[in-house]
Amino acid sequence: MTKPTDEYQPRKPISKAEREARKAFRQVDAVKAMSEHALAEEAFARNRERLKAERLAREAAAGPAPKKKPKTKSK
């Protein structure tokens, strides 16, 4: 970050080579971010399926759930 001054200092234009380098780095970062996101999404889906299987196994072992009595209105 530059030091604030009272005088206006225009930005120094960047060269074409620097622009191309920044573009290349942004593309590499985007690919990396997308692959990390895909890995996290895959891990989440695997974990969700594992937990679902465990829940279904617990529910099957416990048997059917008891029926609830309907509430009656009291006056």
C-alpha atoms as a PDB file:
ATOM      1  CA  MET A   1       0.000   0.000   0.000  1.00  0.00           C
ATOM      2  CA  THR A   2       1.340   3.448  -0.831  1.00  0.00           C
ATOM      3  CA  LYS A   3       1.682   6.249   1.652  1.00  0.00           C
ATOM      4  CA  PRO A   4      -1.073   8.837   1.446  1.00  0.00           C
ATOM      5  CA  THR A   5       0.102  12.237   0.248  1.00  0.00           C
ATOM      6  CA  ASP A   6      -1.587  15.519  -0.503  1.00  0.00           C
ATOM      7  CA  GLU A   7      -0.604  15.330  -4.144  1.00  0.00           C
ATOM      8  CA  TYR A   8      -2.440  13.269  -6.756  1.00  0.00           C
ATOM      9  CA  GLN A   9      -0.297  10.437  -8.023  1.00  0.00           C
ATOM     10  CA  PRO A  10      -1.722   8.573 -11.019  1.00  0.00           C
ATOM     11  CA  ARG A  11      -1.257   4.816 -11.223  1.00  0.00           C
ATOM     12  CA  LYS A  12       1.710   3.583 -13.146  1.00  0.00           C
ATOM     13  CA  PRO A  13       0.427   1.618 -16.167  1.00  0.00           C
ATOM     14  CA  ILE A  14       1.432  -2.029 -16.178  1.00  0.00           C
ATOM     15  CA  SER A  15       3.249  -3.559 -19.087  1.00  0.00           C
ATOM     16  CA  LYS A  16       1.750  -6.075 -21.475  1.00  0.00           C
ATOM     17  CA  ALA A  17       4.067  -8.798 -20.137  1.00  0.00           C
ATOM     18  CA  GLU A  18       2.969  -8.109 -16.560  1.00  0.00           C
ATOM     19  CA  ARG A  19      -0.685  -8.172 -17.626  1.00  0.00           C
ATOM     20  CA  GLU A  20      -0.174 -11.546 -19.332  1.00  0.00           C
ATOM     21  CA  ALA A  21       1.642 -12.916 -16.264  1.00  0.00           C
ATOM     22  CA  ARG A  22      -1.198 -11.824 -13.961  1.00  0.00           C
ATOM     23  CA  LYS A  23      -3.720 -13.430 -16.298  1.00  0.00           C
ATOM     24  CA  ALA A  24      -1.783 -16.718 -16.281  1.00  0.00           C
ATOM     25  CA  PHE A  25      -1.538 -16.715 -12.466  1.00  0.00           C
ATOM     26  CA  ARG A  26      -5.275 -16.005 -12.145  1.00  0.00           C
ATOM     27  CA  GLN A  27      -6.056 -18.951 -14.413  1.00  0.00           C
ATOM     28  CA  VAL A  28      -3.835 -21.275 -12.382  1.00  0.00           C
ATOM     29  CA  ASP A  29      -5.440 -20.061  -9.142  1.00  0.00           C
ATOM     30  CA  ALA A  30      -8.921 -20.594 -10.604  1.00  0.00           C
ATOM     31  CA  VAL A  31      -8.125 -24.181 -11.598  1.00  0.00           C
ATOM     32  CA  LYS A  32      -6.687 -24.866  -8.148  1.00  0.00           C
ATOM     33  CA  ALA A  33      -9.741 -23.398  -6.416  1.00  0.00           C
ATOM     34  CA  MET A  34     -12.125 -25.413  -8.584  1.00  0.00           C
ATOM     35  CA  SER A  35     -10.287 -28.675  -7.874  1.00  0.00           C
ATOM     36  CA  GLU A  36     -10.272 -27.958  -4.128  1.00  0.00           C
ATOM     37  CA  HIS A  37     -13.998 -27.235  -4.278  1.00  0.00           C
ATOM     38  CA  ALA A  38     -14.665 -30.477  -6.167  1.00  0.00           C
ATOM     39  CA  LEU A  39     -12.683 -32.488  -3.605  1.00  0.00           C
ATOM     40  CA  ALA A  40     -14.555 -30.898  -0.714  1.00  0.00           C
ATOM     41  CA  GLU A  41     -17.893 -31.516  -2.422  1.00  0.00           C
ATOM     42  CA  GLU A  42     -16.999 -35.175  -3.024  1.00  0.00           C
ATOM     43  CA  ALA A  43     -15.900 -35.658   0.600  1.00  0.00           C
ATOM     44  CA  PHE A  44     -19.139 -34.054   1.812  1.00  0.00           C
ATOM     45  CA  ALA A  45     -21.245 -36.374  -0.372  1.00  0.00           C
ATOM     46  CA  ARG A  46     -19.367 -39.483   0.828  1.00  0.00           C
ATOM     47  CA  ASN A  47     -19.792 -38.450   4.471  1.00  0.00           C
ATOM     48  CA  ARG A  48     -23.511 -37.710   3.969  1.00  0.00           C
ATOM     49  CA  GLU A  49     -24.052 -41.143   2.407  1.00  0.00           C
ATOM     50  CA  ARG A  50     -22.135 -42.852   5.239  1.00  0.00           C
ATOM     51  CA  LEU A  51     -24.193 -41.062   7.883  1.00  0.00           C
ATOM     52  CA  LYS A  52     -27.429 -41.867   6.041  1.00  0.00           C
ATOM     53  CA  ALA A  53     -26.514 -45.574   5.935  1.00  0.00           C
ATOM     54  CA  GLU A  54     -25.719 -45.533   9.670  1.00  0.00           C
ATOM     55  CA  ARG A  55     -29.025 -43.813  10.470  1.00  0.00           C
ATOM     56  CA  LEU A  56     -31.013 -46.266   8.364  1.00  0.00           C
ATOM     57  CA  ALA A  57     -29.249 -49.206  10.041  1.00  0.00           C
ATOM     58  CA  ARG A  58     -30.036 -47.796  13.502  1.00  0.00           C
ATOM     59  CA  GLU A  59     -33.666 -47.232  12.560  1.00  0.00           C
ATOM     60  CA  ALA A  60     -33.977 -50.750  11.142  1.00  0.00           C
ATOM     61  CA  ALA A  61     -32.449 -52.267  14.285  1.00  0.00           C
ATOM     62  CA  ALA A  62     -34.749 -50.266  16.564  1.00  0.00           C
ATOM     63  CA  GLY A  63     -37.871 -51.495  14.800  1.00  0.00           C
ATOM     64  CA  PRO A  64     -40.941 -49.457  13.925  1.00  0.00           C
ATOM     65  CA  ALA A  65     -41.503 -46.218  15.763  1.00  0.00           C
ATOM     66  CA  PRO A  66     -44.353 -46.207  18.302  1.00  0.00           C
ATOM     67  CA  LYS A  67     -47.540 -44.512  17.126  1.00  0.00           C
ATOM     68  CA  LYS A  68     -48.417 -41.254  18.849  1.00  0.00           C
ATOM     69  CA  LYS A  69     -51.828 -40.711  20.357  1.00  0.00           C
ATOM     70  CA  PRO A  70     -53.762 -37.845  18.745  1.00  0.00           C
ATOM     71  CA  LYS A  71     -54.163 -34.835  20.983  1.00  0.00           C
ATOM     72  CA  THR A  72     -57.660 -34.074  22.163  1.00  0.00           C
ATOM     73  CA  LYS A  73     -58.919 -30.545  22.485  1.00  0.00           C
ATOM     74  CA  SER A  74     -59.678 -29.500  26.006  1.00  0.00           C
ATOM     75  CA  LYS A  75     -62.105 -26.724  26.846  1.00  0.00           C
END
